[in-house]
C-alpha atoms as a PDB file:
ATOM      1  CA  UNK A   1     -27.713 117.069  72.597  1.00  0.00           C
ATOM      2  CA  UNK A   2     -24.700 114.900  72.376  1.00  0.00           C
ATOM      3  CA  UNK A   3     -22.212 115.337  69.591  1.00  0.00           C
ATOM      4  CA  UNK A   4     -20.307 112.401  68.206  1.00  0.00           C
ATOM      5  CA  UNK A   5     -17.003 113.080  66.431  1.00  0.00           C
ATOM      6  CA  UNK A   6     -15.800 110.521  63.972  1.00  0.00           C
ATOM      7  CA  UNK A   7     -12.090 110.434  63.467  1.00  0.00           C
ATOM      8  CA  UNK A   8     -11.304 109.195  59.909  1.00  0.00           C
ATOM      9  CA  UNK A   9      -8.035 107.329  59.566  1.00  0.00           C
ATOM     10  CA  UNK A  10      -5.277 108.771  57.490  1.00  0.00           C
ATOM     11  CA  UNK A  11      -5.836 106.493  54.482  1.00  0.00           C
ATOM     12  CA  UNK A  12      -9.486 107.582  54.211  1.00  0.00           C
ATOM     13  CA  UNK A  13      -8.551 111.275  54.387  1.00  0.00           C
ATOM     14  CA  UNK A  14      -5.798 110.802  51.721  1.00  0.00           C
ATOM     15  CA  UNK A  15      -8.230 108.959  49.438  1.00  0.00           C
ATOM     16  CA  UNK A  16     -10.874 111.681  49.868  1.00  0.00           C
ATOM     17  CA  UNK A  17      -8.375 114.504  49.271  1.00  0.00           C
ATOM     18  CA  UNK A  18      -7.010 112.752  46.117  1.00  0.00           C
ATOM     19  CA  UNK A  19     -10.550 112.167  44.778  1.00  0.00           C
ATOM     20  CA  UNK A  20     -11.412 115.867  45.276  1.00  0.00           C
ATOM     21  CA  UNK A  21      -8.232 117.028  43.602  1.00  0.00           C
ATOM     22  CA  UNK A  22      -8.664 114.685  40.651  1.00  0.00           C
ATOM     23  CA  UNK A  23     -12.348 115.654  40.154  1.00  0.00           C
ATOM     24  CA  UNK A  24     -11.292 119.342  40.329  1.00  0.00           C
ATOM     25  CA  UNK A  25      -8.493 118.820  37.742  1.00  0.00           C
ATOM     26  CA  UNK A  26      -5.863 119.910  40.259  1.00  0.00           C
ATOM     27  CA  UNK A  27      -2.462 118.396  39.628  1.00  0.00           C
ATOM     28  CA  UNK A  28      -1.167 115.944  42.264  1.00  0.00           C
ATOM     29  CA  UNK A  29       2.615 115.919  42.758  1.00  0.00           C
ATOM     30  CA  UNK A  30       3.622 112.862  44.733  1.00  0.00           C
ATOM     31  CA  UNK A  31       5.959 113.656  47.623  1.00  0.00           C
ATOM     32  CA  UNK A  32       6.842 112.245  51.040  1.00  0.00           C
ATOM     33  CA  UNK A  33       4.554 113.020  53.971  1.00  0.00           C
ATOM     34  CA  UNK A  34       5.268 116.500  55.207  1.00  0.00           C
ATOM     35  CA  UNK A  35       6.955 117.623  51.964  1.00  0.00           C
ATOM     36  CA  UNK A  36       5.021 120.175  49.909  1.00  0.00           C
ATOM     37  CA  UNK A  37       5.715 120.518  46.189  1.00  0.00           C
ATOM     38  CA  UNK A  38       4.036 123.280  44.144  1.00  0.00           C
ATOM     39  CA  UNK A  39       4.539 123.757  40.375  1.00  0.00           C
ATOM     40  CA  UNK A  40       4.417 127.287  39.027  1.00  0.00           C
ATOM     41  CA  UNK A  41       4.891 128.740  35.597  1.00  0.00           C
ATOM     42  CA  UNK A  42       7.164 131.788  35.774  1.00  0.00           C
ATOM     43  CA  UNK A  43       8.028 133.607  32.530  1.00  0.00           C
ATOM     44  CA  UNK A  44       6.992 130.526  30.557  1.00  0.00           C
ATOM     45  CA  UNK A  45       9.319 128.301  32.613  1.00  0.00           C
ATOM     46  CA  UNK A  46       8.130 125.646  35.002  1.00  0.00           C
ATOM     47  CA  UNK A  47       9.533 125.947  38.532  1.00  0.00           C
ATOM     48  CA  UNK A  48       8.946 123.639  41.527  1.00  0.00           C
ATOM     49  CA  UNK A  49       8.765 125.089  44.989  1.00  0.00           C
ATOM     50  CA  UNK A  50       9.710 122.403  47.488  1.00  0.00           C
ATOM     51  CA  UNK A  51       9.228 122.734  51.236  1.00  0.00           C
ATOM     52  CA  UNK A  52       9.983 120.182  53.997  1.00  0.00           C
ATOM     53  CA  UNK A  53       7.593 120.990  56.825  1.00  0.00           C
ATOM     54  CA  UNK A  54       9.065 118.266  59.072  1.00  0.00           C
ATOM     55  CA  UNK A  55      11.991 117.937  61.497  1.00  0.00           C
ATOM     56  CA  UNK A  56      13.234 114.924  59.565  1.00  0.00           C
ATOM     57  CA  UNK A  57      15.523 114.622  56.531  1.00  0.00           C
ATOM     58  CA  UNK A  58      13.352 113.593  53.505  1.00  0.00           C
ATOM     59  CA  UNK A  59      14.105 112.100  50.127  1.00  0.00           C
ATOM     60  CA  UNK A  60      12.356 113.376  46.958  1.00  0.00           C
ATOM     61  CA  UNK A  61      13.689 111.494  43.924  1.00  0.00           C
ATOM     62  CA  UNK A  62      17.474 111.897  44.035  1.00  0.00           C
ATOM     63  CA  UNK A  63      17.306 115.059  46.182  1.00  0.00           C
ATOM     64  CA  UNK A  64      17.863 114.959  49.955  1.00  0.00           C
ATOM     65  CA  UNK A  65      15.875 117.604  51.753  1.00  0.00           C
ATOM     66  CA  UNK A  66      17.068 118.781  55.211  1.00  0.00           C
ATOM     67  CA  UNK A  67      14.508 119.469  58.010  1.00  0.00           C
ATOM     68  CA  UNK A  68      12.533 122.639  57.276  1.00  0.00           C
ATOM     69  CA  UNK A  69      14.490 123.236  54.065  1.00  0.00           C
ATOM     70  CA  UNK A  70      12.818 124.956  51.110  1.00  0.00           C
ATOM     71  CA  UNK A  71      14.163 125.485  47.588  1.00  0.00           C
ATOM     72  CA  UNK A  72      13.134 126.124  44.007  1.00  0.00           C
ATOM     73  CA  UNK A  73      13.994 123.573  41.346  1.00  0.00           C
ATOM     74  CA  UNK A  74      13.689 123.452  37.566  1.00  0.00           C
ATOM     75  CA  UNK A  75      12.621 119.800  37.663  1.00  0.00           C
ATOM     76  CA  UNK A  76      11.813 117.062  40.114  1.00  0.00           C
END
């Protein structure tokens, strides 16, 4: 039996992921490709954990993020 693998383009995968997150009431925090942003509530204070998973300098709002840099912020 032959197997056929369909490779979905990046736009389709992004659309599908965003649809699933929205339907699951999971917050989407917009960030550049390769930059992960997670919001957590710690002692009744919101904190943002930001991680650049790329070897490139990235920009998130007014913050420049070095390659592979991670930090915690009070706001984005």
